[in-house]
Amino acid sequence: MESFVLSEWLQQHFDPAGDSPAYQRLYALISRAILEGRMAAGARLPSTRDLAADLRIARNTVLQVYDQLTEEGYVHAGVGRGTFVQDISQDLVEAPVAPEDAREEQAPHGAGRDAHLSRRGSRLLAHLGFSNRQSGAFMPGIPDVREFPLKTWARIQNRQWREGPWDLMRYAPAGGYGPLRQALSDYLGSVRSVRSTAAQVVMTTGIHQAIDVTVRLLCDPGDTVWIEEPAYWGVRNLLASAGLKLVPIRVDDEGLWPGEAERAQPPRLIVVAPSHQYPLGMVMSLARRRMLLDYARQVSCWILEDDYDSEFRYGSRPLPSLQGMDEDGRVLYAGSFSKTLCPGLRVGFLVVPEALSGAFANAVAELYREGNMMLHSVLAEFIREDHLSSHIRRVRRRYAERRACLIDGIRRHFGDTLEIVGDAAGLHLVLALPEGVDDVLVERDALQQGVVTRALSTYYMDRTHARPGLLLGYAGATPEEIRPAFDALARVIRRYV
């Protein structure tokens, strides 16, 4: 099939307003055309720019589909020549051909090598955001694990082992290790104005598990969930894979701002990061916080507060939590030690309203059979002896130096021509790029130069209104590593701006 015929066929079958993500629907159609022999080996696919224009979708969507097809062996790219159908005849076995209507019915289950997955599994894998690269400049959201207080941690751990840890080697009780729950309740009340008892603290394996159990207990498939636009891909994919209807709510300088039409259709759950929006970095204003709490009370919905890195503010104190303002028991507060200590600990927590504490504690015990009580006992002592606060103060100073080094590099190369967004807190900043720049291509070219970054546009559900930019994490790299890395990145950026 010639490329212009493929374009016409896709225009007949592709619905830009479909229920599932555009990426998934386009991938399913093109892979189906190849598997059914509509496109012969060696046939050339339309250019990404032309196909995006024909289908009236973002070019980034087409680029993602072509990349996925290449990774799975459907097509191969010739440098400077285009994208061509791979000869897959050796990979196929003869199978009964289903009627056309049956194929349409089966398509949502997946295509090609993912045909055995469920719809939920296919939705999850259609928008992968994780990276095997977890260190260096400029991987966002990653602390410098080299700063971990090994000696202090080892001293406490050795003491725990010497005292006879038999009770710590069993499954954890419902809700988690009691002394850690109490230590967290005290700590969060002191530094984040979180109001809780130890019974309201439920230990989890990271924030993802905290969100997962929240969705399982408070939402049913098909329920509406508000998420910020743009938002962290991990939360978005987890919610989508649970069969929830995601409604992206735009953010401005004061945070989440739902319009009248959105408020008229109340959600079951609202997921927000009010203290430091990810990825843009703004802080939700007091007026917006009150609006959100009043709205949740009026429509009886829940709010999940993701407080992922509020400890790292530069030039001002951390802001109190949204949960601390909640008088009606509508806010669940989620956090972890992935940013303050290290991701490898896999320790997270939920602070739930008192009316939900028993249900959540029992559900985590039933679903996940939590353990790690030895680890939790060490962490409890680490917090009680004030080592956590001391560690955060120390690394905050280090990260502030690294942030300043990165900003200096940006100004040295680009002056004020490129805007810096969200640099007042956290472990990353956003370098905005001019409208029309394809930040996904910039990300790829940077990776070829050994520099890791993330394209801002990929954090939007609606790519047609996405703002181009780059997320630049600075916490995991020293100034000596940041300077040459940004010099290399600047050379890449200049090709596009």
Protein backbone atom coordinates (compact mmCIF):
# COMPACT_ATOMS: atom_id res chain seq x y z
CA MET A 1 0.00 0.00 0.00
CA GLU A 2 1.40 3.38 -0.96
CA SER A 3 1.69 5.99 1.70
CA PHE A 4 -1.05 8.23 0.30
CA VAL A 5 -3.48 5.28 0.34
CA LEU A 6 -2.61 4.53 3.98
CA SER A 7 -3.39 8.14 4.81
CA GLU A 8 -6.79 7.88 3.14
CA TRP A 9 -7.55 4.59 4.91
CA LEU A 10 -6.59 6.07 8.27
CA GLN A 11 -8.76 9.12 7.67
CA GLN A 12 -11.70 6.79 7.11
CA HIS A 13 -11.08 4.72 10.25
CA PHE A 14 -9.44 7.13 12.71
CA ASP A 15 -11.79 9.13 14.92
CA PRO A 16 -9.98 12.15 16.44
CA ALA A 17 -12.66 12.36 19.14
CA GLY A 18 -12.50 8.72 20.25
CA ASP A 19 -12.74 7.67 23.89
CA SER A 20 -9.30 6.08 24.18
CA PRO A 21 -6.04 8.04 23.75
CA ALA A 22 -5.23 9.06 20.17
CA TYR A 23 -1.83 7.34 20.43
CA GLN A 24 -3.42 3.98 21.23
CA ARG A 25 -6.02 4.19 18.47
CA LEU A 26 -3.52 5.20 15.78
CA TYR A 27 -1.07 2.49 16.87
CA ALA A 28 -3.82 -0.16 16.71
CA LEU A 29 -4.87 0.88 13.19
CA ILE A 30 -1.38 1.00 11.66
CA SER A 31 -0.27 -2.27 13.28
CA ARG A 32 -3.52 -3.87 12.09
CA ALA A 33 -2.87 -2.67 8.52
CA ILE A 34 0.58 -4.27 8.62
CA LEU A 35 -0.57 -7.56 10.19
CA GLU A 36 -3.45 -7.94 7.74
CA GLY A 37 -1.14 -7.42 4.77
CA ARG A 38 -2.69 -4.14 3.72
CA MET A 39 0.85 -2.73 3.75
CA ALA A 40 3.50 -4.86 2.13
CA ALA A 41 7.06 -5.21 3.39
CA GLY A 42 9.09 -2.23 2.25
CA ALA A 43 6.10 0.11 1.90
CA ARG A 44 6.83 3.60 3.09
CA LEU A 45 4.75 5.22 5.83
CA PRO A 46 3.68 8.86 5.47
CA SER A 47 5.93 11.43 7.09
CA THR A 48 4.97 12.24 10.66
CA ARG A 49 4.26 15.84 9.72
CA ASP A 50 1.97 14.93 6.80
CA LEU A 51 0.09 12.25 8.74
CA ALA A 52 -0.44 14.56 11.72
CA ALA A 53 -1.87 17.20 9.37
CA ASP A 54 -4.12 14.67 7.59
CA LEU A 55 -5.53 13.32 10.86
CA ARG A 56 -5.56 16.71 12.64
CA ILE A 57 -3.61 15.47 15.64
CA ALA A 58 -0.36 16.51 17.30
CA ARG A 59 2.81 15.48 15.50
CA ASN A 60 4.18 14.22 18.83
CA THR A 61 1.39 11.62 18.85
CA VAL A 62 2.47 10.30 15.45
CA LEU A 63 6.13 10.31 16.52
CA GLN A 64 5.26 8.21 19.57
CA VAL A 65 3.34 5.71 17.43
CA TYR A 66 6.17 5.38 14.92
CA ASP A 67 8.67 4.88 17.75
CA GLN A 68 6.52 2.15 19.29
CA LEU A 69 6.08 0.42 15.93
CA THR A 70 9.86 0.55 15.43
CA GLU A 71 10.58 -0.87 18.88
CA GLU A 72 8.15 -3.75 18.31
CA GLY A 73 9.56 -4.59 14.89
CA TYR A 74 6.69 -3.52 12.66
CA VAL A 75 8.71 -0.86 10.85
CA HIS A 76 12.28 0.33 10.49
CA ALA A 77 13.56 3.85 9.97
CA GLY A 78 16.08 4.73 7.32
CA VAL A 79 18.12 7.75 8.34
CA GLY A 80 17.00 10.65 6.17
CA ARG A 81 14.87 8.38 3.99
CA GLY A 82 11.67 7.70 5.94
CA THR A 83 9.95 4.86 7.79
CA PHE A 84 9.29 1.54 6.07
CA VAL A 85 7.30 -1.61 6.84
CA GLN A 86 9.44 -4.45 8.15
CA ASP A 87 9.20 -7.95 6.67
CA ILE A 88 7.43 -9.77 9.50
CA SER A 89 6.37 -12.85 7.55
CA GLN A 90 8.82 -15.05 9.49
CA ASP A 91 7.30 -13.94 12.79
CA LEU A 92 3.70 -14.87 11.96
CA VAL A 93 1.93 -18.20 12.13
CA GLU A 94 -1.15 -18.98 10.13
CA ALA A 95 -4.38 -18.40 12.06
CA PRO A 96 -8.07 -18.27 11.23
CA VAL A 97 -9.12 -14.92 9.82
CA ALA A 98 -11.87 -13.32 11.86
CA PRO A 99 -14.72 -11.50 10.16
CA GLU A 100 -14.26 -7.75 9.76
CA ASP A 101 -16.76 -6.89 12.49
CA ALA A 102 -15.10 -9.32 14.88
CA ARG A 103 -11.74 -7.65 14.28
CA GLU A 104 -13.23 -4.28 15.14
CA GLU A 105 -14.56 -5.74 18.40
CA GLN A 106 -11.19 -7.25 19.32
CA ALA A 107 -9.06 -4.23 18.47
CA PRO A 108 -9.26 -2.50 21.88
CA HIS A 109 -7.67 -5.53 23.52
CA GLY A 110 -4.39 -4.67 21.82
CA ALA A 111 -2.61 -5.43 18.58
CA GLY A 112 0.38 -7.37 17.38
CA ARG A 113 2.57 -8.65 20.16
CA ASP A 114 0.39 -7.11 22.89
CA ALA A 115 -2.79 -8.93 21.76
CA HIS A 116 -2.77 -11.10 24.88
CA LEU A 117 -3.07 -8.13 27.21
CA SER A 118 -6.28 -6.89 28.79
CA ARG A 119 -7.74 -3.52 27.85
CA ARG A 120 -6.47 -2.22 31.18
CA GLY A 121 -2.99 -3.58 30.52
CA SER A 122 -2.92 -2.10 27.03
CA ARG A 123 -3.96 1.30 28.37
CA LEU A 124 -1.18 1.16 30.93
CA LEU A 125 1.56 0.24 28.44
CA ALA A 126 0.39 2.67 25.77
CA HIS A 127 1.89 5.64 27.62
CA LEU A 128 4.99 4.46 29.45
CA GLY A 129 6.88 7.24 31.16
CA PHE A 130 9.50 5.50 33.27
CA SER A 131 13.18 5.51 32.36
CA ASN A 132 15.95 3.02 33.06
CA ARG A 133 18.26 6.02 33.46
CA GLN A 134 17.94 7.13 37.07
CA SER A 135 20.87 9.40 37.73
CA GLY A 136 22.88 12.34 36.50
CA ALA A 137 22.13 15.58 34.70
CA PHE A 138 19.32 16.33 34.08
CA MET A 139 17.06 13.48 35.20
CA PRO A 140 14.12 15.18 36.98
CA GLY A 141 12.67 14.03 40.28
CA ILE A 142 15.75 12.14 41.46
CA PRO A 143 17.70 13.09 44.60
CA ASP A 144 21.41 12.51 44.93
CA VAL A 145 21.63 9.10 46.63
CA ARG A 146 25.33 9.78 47.25
CA GLU A 147 24.15 12.17 49.98
CA PHE A 148 22.38 9.38 51.89
CA PRO A 149 23.56 9.35 55.56
CA LEU A 150 24.99 5.84 55.45
CA LYS A 151 26.94 5.92 58.71
CA THR A 152 24.04 7.15 60.81
CA TRP A 153 21.64 4.73 59.16
CA ALA A 154 24.02 1.79 59.64
CA ARG A 155 24.57 2.63 63.29
CA ILE A 156 20.83 2.59 64.01
CA GLN A 157 20.31 -0.56 61.94
CA ASN A 158 23.12 -2.44 63.70
CA ARG A 159 21.63 -1.51 67.05
CA GLN A 160 18.24 -2.83 65.98
CA TRP A 161 19.73 -6.14 64.84
CA ARG A 162 21.63 -6.57 68.11
CA GLU A 163 18.48 -6.14 70.18
CA GLY A 164 16.82 -9.23 68.72
CA PRO A 165 14.61 -8.41 65.74
CA TRP A 166 12.35 -11.47 65.68
CA ASP A 167 9.11 -9.52 65.87
CA LEU A 168 10.36 -7.29 63.05
CA MET A 169 10.84 -10.22 60.67
CA ARG A 170 7.15 -11.05 60.33
CA TYR A 171 4.41 -9.50 58.23
CA ALA A 172 3.48 -6.01 59.35
CA PRO A 173 0.24 -5.44 61.28
CA ALA A 174 -2.63 -3.61 59.59
CA GLY A 175 -1.53 -0.05 58.84
CA GLY A 176 2.16 -0.77 59.31
CA TYR A 177 4.77 -0.64 62.05
CA GLY A 178 3.24 1.23 64.99
CA PRO A 179 6.26 3.25 66.19
CA LEU A 180 6.88 4.54 62.65
CA ARG A 181 3.23 5.57 62.29
CA GLN A 182 3.52 7.52 65.53
CA ALA A 183 6.85 9.10 64.55
CA LEU A 184 5.37 10.17 61.20
CA SER A 185 2.26 11.61 62.80
CA ASP A 186 4.43 13.73 65.10
CA TYR A 187 6.85 14.74 62.35
CA LEU A 188 4.19 15.70 59.80
CA GLY A 189 2.29 17.67 62.41
CA SER A 190 5.45 19.65 63.18
CA VAL A 191 6.78 20.35 59.68
CA ARG A 192 3.68 20.16 57.45
CA SER A 193 0.82 21.10 59.81
CA VAL A 194 -0.82 17.73 59.11
CA ARG A 195 -3.44 16.91 61.74
CA SER A 196 -3.54 13.21 62.54
CA THR A 197 -3.21 10.43 65.07
CA ALA A 198 -0.94 7.45 64.51
CA ALA A 199 -4.02 5.39 63.60
CA GLN A 200 -4.66 7.65 60.60
CA VAL A 201 -1.18 6.99 59.17
CA VAL A 202 -1.09 3.98 56.83
CA MET A 203 2.29 2.79 55.54
CA THR A 204 2.64 1.98 51.83
CA THR A 205 5.36 1.05 49.38
CA GLY A 206 5.71 4.48 47.80
CA ILE A 207 3.16 7.00 46.56
CA HIS A 208 2.06 4.80 43.64
CA GLN A 209 0.76 2.18 46.05
CA ALA A 210 -0.88 4.90 48.14
CA ILE A 211 -2.77 6.10 45.08
CA ASP A 212 -3.61 2.56 44.04
CA VAL A 213 -5.26 1.66 47.35
CA THR A 214 -7.08 5.02 47.38
CA VAL A 215 -8.57 4.32 43.96
CA ARG A 216 -9.51 0.75 44.92
CA LEU A 217 -11.37 1.86 48.05
CA LEU A 218 -12.94 5.14 46.95
CA CYS A 219 -13.54 4.81 43.18
CA ASP A 220 -15.29 2.43 40.79
CA PRO A 221 -14.38 1.96 37.10
CA GLY A 222 -15.94 4.77 35.10
CA ASP A 223 -15.85 7.29 37.95
CA THR A 224 -14.57 10.77 37.12
CA VAL A 225 -11.23 11.94 38.49
CA TRP A 226 -9.84 15.44 38.13
CA ILE A 227 -6.11 15.68 37.54
CA GLU A 228 -3.92 18.69 36.96
CA GLU A 229 -3.01 19.63 33.39
CA PRO A 230 -0.10 19.03 32.97
CA ALA A 231 0.50 16.29 35.54
CA TYR A 232 2.95 13.60 36.61
CA TRP A 233 2.68 10.72 34.11
CA GLY A 234 2.88 8.04 36.80
CA VAL A 235 -0.29 9.22 38.54
CA ARG A 236 -2.11 9.73 35.25
CA ASN A 237 -1.28 6.26 33.94
CA LEU A 238 -2.17 4.57 37.21
CA LEU A 239 -5.59 6.22 37.27
CA ALA A 240 -6.27 5.53 33.60
CA SER A 241 -5.31 1.86 33.91
CA ALA A 242 -7.90 1.54 36.71
CA GLY A 243 -10.63 2.40 34.23
CA LEU A 244 -11.34 5.87 35.59
CA LYS A 245 -12.46 8.79 33.47
CA LEU A 246 -9.73 11.41 33.66
CA VAL A 247 -10.65 15.06 33.30
CA PRO A 248 -7.58 17.31 32.95
CA ILE A 249 -8.05 20.63 34.77
CA ARG A 250 -5.79 23.46 33.69
CA VAL A 251 -3.42 25.13 36.14
CA ASP A 252 -2.39 28.76 36.19
CA ASP A 253 -0.09 30.74 38.48
CA GLU A 254 -2.38 30.02 41.47
CA GLY A 255 -2.78 26.31 40.79
CA LEU A 256 -5.77 24.18 39.79
CA TRP A 257 -8.61 26.19 38.27
CA PRO A 258 -11.75 24.28 37.20
CA GLY A 259 -14.19 26.10 34.94
CA GLU A 260 -17.95 26.31 35.39
CA ALA A 261 -18.63 23.40 33.04
CA GLU A 262 -16.18 21.20 34.93
CA ARG A 263 -17.58 22.15 38.33
CA ALA A 264 -21.07 21.32 37.08
CA GLN A 265 -20.05 17.65 36.76
CA PRO A 266 -18.52 16.74 40.13
CA PRO A 267 -15.72 14.16 40.23
CA ARG A 268 -15.38 11.30 42.66
CA LEU A 269 -11.73 12.19 43.35
CA ILE A 270 -9.46 15.20 42.82
CA VAL A 271 -5.70 14.58 42.67
CA VAL A 272 -3.55 17.66 43.30
CA ALA A 273 -0.04 18.68 44.37
CA PRO A 274 -0.87 22.04 46.00
CA SER A 275 2.49 22.72 47.64
CA HIS A 276 4.53 22.22 44.47
CA GLN A 277 2.69 21.41 41.25
CA TYR A 278 4.41 18.84 39.06
CA PRO A 279 5.88 19.62 36.60
CA LEU A 280 5.35 23.42 36.45
CA GLY A 281 6.15 24.14 40.10
CA MET A 282 3.52 26.70 41.10
CA VAL A 283 2.05 26.82 44.62
CA MET A 284 -1.73 26.72 45.04
CA SER A 285 -2.93 30.02 46.50
CA LEU A 286 -4.88 30.22 49.75
CA ALA A 287 -8.01 31.29 47.85
CA ARG A 288 -7.81 28.26 45.56
CA ARG A 289 -7.23 25.94 48.52
CA ARG A 290 -10.34 27.24 50.25
CA MET A 291 -12.31 26.97 47.01
CA LEU A 292 -11.23 23.36 46.55
CA LEU A 293 -12.08 22.37 50.12
CA ASP A 294 -15.47 24.09 49.95
CA TYR A 295 -16.24 22.39 46.64
CA ALA A 296 -15.26 18.96 47.98
CA ARG A 297 -17.54 19.48 50.97
CA GLN A 298 -20.47 20.63 48.80
CA VAL A 299 -20.32 17.74 46.29
CA SER A 300 -18.97 15.08 48.71
CA CYS A 301 -15.91 14.18 46.68
CA TRP A 302 -12.44 13.23 47.93
CA ILE A 303 -9.13 15.08 47.52
CA LEU A 304 -5.82 13.24 47.30
CA GLU A 305 -2.98 15.60 48.21
CA ASP A 306 0.33 14.50 46.66
CA ASP A 307 3.02 16.14 48.80
CA TYR A 308 5.99 14.65 46.99
CA ASP A 309 8.83 17.13 47.62
CA SER A 310 7.51 20.05 49.67
CA GLU A 311 10.60 20.02 51.92
CA PHE A 312 12.78 21.58 49.23
CA ARG A 313 12.03 25.28 48.96
CA TYR A 314 14.72 27.88 48.29
CA GLY A 315 14.30 31.27 49.93
CA SER A 316 11.07 30.53 51.78
CA ARG A 317 9.71 28.07 54.32
CA PRO A 318 7.71 24.98 53.24
CA LEU A 319 4.00 25.77 53.02
CA PRO A 320 1.45 24.10 55.31
CA SER A 321 -0.46 21.17 53.86
CA LEU A 322 -3.95 21.31 52.37
CA GLN A 323 -4.88 18.51 54.76
CA GLY A 324 -4.16 20.78 57.71
CA MET A 325 -6.92 23.15 56.50
CA ASP A 326 -9.50 20.39 56.03
CA GLU A 327 -12.34 20.59 58.56
CA ASP A 328 -14.61 18.04 56.88
CA GLY A 329 -12.45 14.94 56.50
CA ARG A 330 -12.28 15.04 52.68
CA VAL A 331 -8.47 15.12 52.17
CA LEU A 332 -6.11 12.14 52.01
CA TYR A 333 -2.46 13.17 52.32
CA ALA A 334 0.17 11.07 50.48
CA GLY A 335 3.94 11.28 50.80
CA SER A 336 7.10 9.23 50.68
CA PHE A 337 10.82 9.26 51.44
CA SER A 338 11.84 8.87 47.79
CA LYS A 339 12.92 12.51 47.50
CA THR A 340 14.08 13.22 51.05
CA LEU A 341 16.20 10.06 51.50
CA CYS A 342 16.30 7.83 48.40
CA PRO A 343 13.85 6.10 46.02
CA GLY A 344 15.27 2.66 46.78
CA LEU A 345 13.78 2.63 50.29
CA ARG A 346 10.27 2.30 48.79
CA VAL A 347 8.60 3.73 51.88
CA GLY A 348 5.47 5.82 51.47
CA PHE A 349 2.48 6.70 53.58
CA LEU A 350 -1.10 7.91 53.55
CA VAL A 351 -2.73 10.07 56.17
CA VAL A 352 -6.45 9.33 55.84
CA PRO A 353 -9.52 10.85 57.49
CA GLU A 354 -10.34 9.19 60.79
CA ALA A 355 -13.51 7.60 59.37
CA LEU A 356 -11.42 5.75 56.76
CA SER A 357 -8.44 4.72 58.89
CA GLY A 358 -9.58 1.18 59.67
CA ALA A 359 -10.66 0.43 56.10
CA PHE A 360 -7.38 1.63 54.61
CA ALA A 361 -5.19 -0.16 57.17
CA ASN A 362 -7.01 -3.43 56.59
CA ALA A 363 -7.04 -3.05 52.81
CA VAL A 364 -3.27 -2.53 52.60
CA ALA A 365 -2.70 -5.59 54.79
CA GLU A 366 -5.10 -7.67 52.70
CA LEU A 367 -3.91 -6.57 49.26
CA TYR A 368 -0.16 -6.21 49.67
CA ARG A 369 0.88 -8.22 52.77
CA GLU A 370 3.30 -5.54 53.86
CA GLY A 371 6.51 -6.33 55.71
CA ASN A 372 9.81 -4.40 55.88
CA MET A 373 9.37 -3.81 59.61
CA MET A 374 13.12 -3.89 60.20
CA LEU A 375 13.52 -1.09 57.67
CA HIS A 376 10.59 0.75 59.22
CA SER A 377 12.02 0.40 62.72
CA VAL A 378 15.28 1.99 61.59
CA LEU A 379 13.38 4.80 59.89
CA ALA A 380 11.30 5.39 63.01
CA GLU A 381 14.46 5.86 65.11
CA PHE A 382 16.01 7.98 62.36
CA ILE A 383 13.05 10.35 62.56
CA ARG A 384 12.75 10.36 66.36
CA GLU A 385 16.44 11.18 66.80
CA ASP A 386 16.01 14.18 64.46
CA HIS A 387 18.37 12.81 61.79
CA LEU A 388 15.75 13.27 59.06
CA SER A 389 15.38 17.00 59.72
CA SER A 390 19.16 17.44 59.84
CA HIS A 391 19.61 15.51 56.60
CA ILE A 392 16.97 17.59 54.81
CA ARG A 393 18.57 20.86 55.94
CA ARG A 394 21.95 19.68 54.68
CA VAL A 395 20.86 18.45 51.25
CA ARG A 396 18.61 21.49 50.79
CA ARG A 397 21.75 23.63 50.89
CA ARG A 398 23.48 21.33 48.37
CA TYR A 399 20.53 21.36 46.01
CA ALA A 400 20.27 25.15 46.25
CA GLU A 401 23.88 25.41 45.04
CA ARG A 402 23.18 23.05 42.15
CA ARG A 403 20.03 24.95 41.21
CA ALA A 404 22.02 28.20 41.15
CA CYS A 405 24.69 26.57 38.98
CA LEU A 406 22.10 25.41 36.45
CA ILE A 407 20.38 28.79 36.32
CA ASP A 408 23.78 30.44 35.81
CA GLY A 409 24.43 28.13 32.86
CA ILE A 410 21.05 28.94 31.32
CA ARG A 411 21.65 32.68 31.64
CA ARG A 412 25.20 32.37 30.33
CA HIS A 413 24.04 30.64 27.15
CA PHE A 414 20.64 32.23 26.54
CA GLY A 415 20.39 35.34 28.69
CA ASP A 416 16.71 36.14 29.27
CA THR A 417 15.50 34.76 25.94
CA LEU A 418 14.31 31.46 27.46
CA GLU A 419 11.97 31.54 30.46
CA ILE A 420 12.75 29.55 33.60
CA VAL A 421 9.61 28.14 35.23
CA GLY A 422 9.08 26.60 38.67
CA ASP A 423 12.57 27.10 40.06
CA ALA A 424 11.57 28.22 43.57
CA ALA A 425 11.25 24.69 44.95
CA GLY A 426 11.75 21.00 44.28
CA LEU A 427 14.44 19.02 42.50
CA HIS A 428 13.98 20.35 38.96
CA LEU A 429 13.07 23.43 36.97
CA VAL A 430 11.42 23.85 33.58
CA LEU A 431 13.21 25.59 30.72
CA ALA A 432 10.45 26.92 28.47
CA LEU A 433 11.02 26.73 24.73
CA PRO A 434 9.47 28.98 22.07
CA GLU A 435 6.09 28.03 20.63
CA GLY A 436 6.42 25.68 17.69
CA VAL A 437 9.58 23.96 18.95
CA ASP A 438 9.25 20.17 19.09
CA ASP A 439 10.54 19.47 22.59
CA VAL A 440 10.35 15.70 22.04
CA LEU A 441 12.94 16.01 19.28
CA VAL A 442 15.09 18.19 21.52
CA GLU A 443 14.88 15.53 24.24
CA ARG A 444 15.94 12.81 21.80
CA ASP A 445 18.83 14.79 20.38
CA ALA A 446 20.03 15.60 23.90
CA LEU A 447 19.96 11.93 24.84
CA GLN A 448 22.22 11.16 21.87
CA GLN A 449 24.68 13.60 23.46
CA GLY A 450 24.43 11.76 26.79
CA VAL A 451 22.17 14.34 28.44
CA VAL A 452 18.90 13.19 30.00
CA THR A 453 15.91 15.52 30.10
CA ARG A 454 12.14 15.21 29.67
CA ALA A 455 9.92 17.04 27.20
CA LEU A 456 7.30 19.17 28.98
CA SER A 457 4.67 18.50 26.30
CA THR A 458 4.56 14.80 27.20
CA TYR A 459 3.04 15.68 30.60
CA TYR A 460 -0.13 17.02 28.97
CA MET A 461 -3.17 14.89 28.19
CA ASP A 462 -4.17 17.35 25.47
CA ARG A 463 -1.03 17.66 23.38
CA THR A 464 -2.62 20.22 21.05
CA HIS A 465 -2.45 22.80 23.86
CA ALA A 466 0.82 21.59 25.36
CA ARG A 467 3.52 24.07 26.18
CA PRO A 468 6.99 23.13 24.85
CA GLY A 469 9.84 22.97 27.32
CA LEU A 470 12.37 20.76 29.08
CA LEU A 471 12.36 19.44 32.65
CA LEU A 472 15.88 19.78 34.03
CA GLY A 473 16.64 17.93 37.26
CA TYR A 474 19.60 19.32 39.15
CA ALA A 475 19.54 17.52 42.50
CA GLY A 476 21.27 14.37 41.29
CA ALA A 477 24.31 16.06 39.75
CA THR A 478 27.14 18.12 41.22
CA PRO A 479 28.08 21.55 39.81
CA GLU A 480 31.08 19.88 38.17
CA GLU A 481 28.68 17.56 36.35
CA ILE A 482 26.04 20.20 35.62
CA ARG A 483 28.28 22.67 33.76
CA PRO A 484 29.53 20.44 30.89
CA ALA A 485 26.14 18.71 30.65
CA PHE A 486 24.33 22.00 30.12
CA ASP A 487 26.97 23.16 27.63
CA ALA A 488 26.13 20.04 25.59
CA LEU A 489 22.39 20.59 26.00
CA ALA A 490 22.70 24.24 24.95
CA ARG A 491 24.31 23.18 21.68
CA VAL A 492 21.31 20.93 21.01
CA ILE A 493 18.78 23.62 21.93
CA ARG A 494 20.36 26.12 19.55
CA ARG A 495 19.45 23.88 16.62
CA TYR A 496 15.78 24.52 17.38
CA VAL A 497 15.53 28.09 18.73
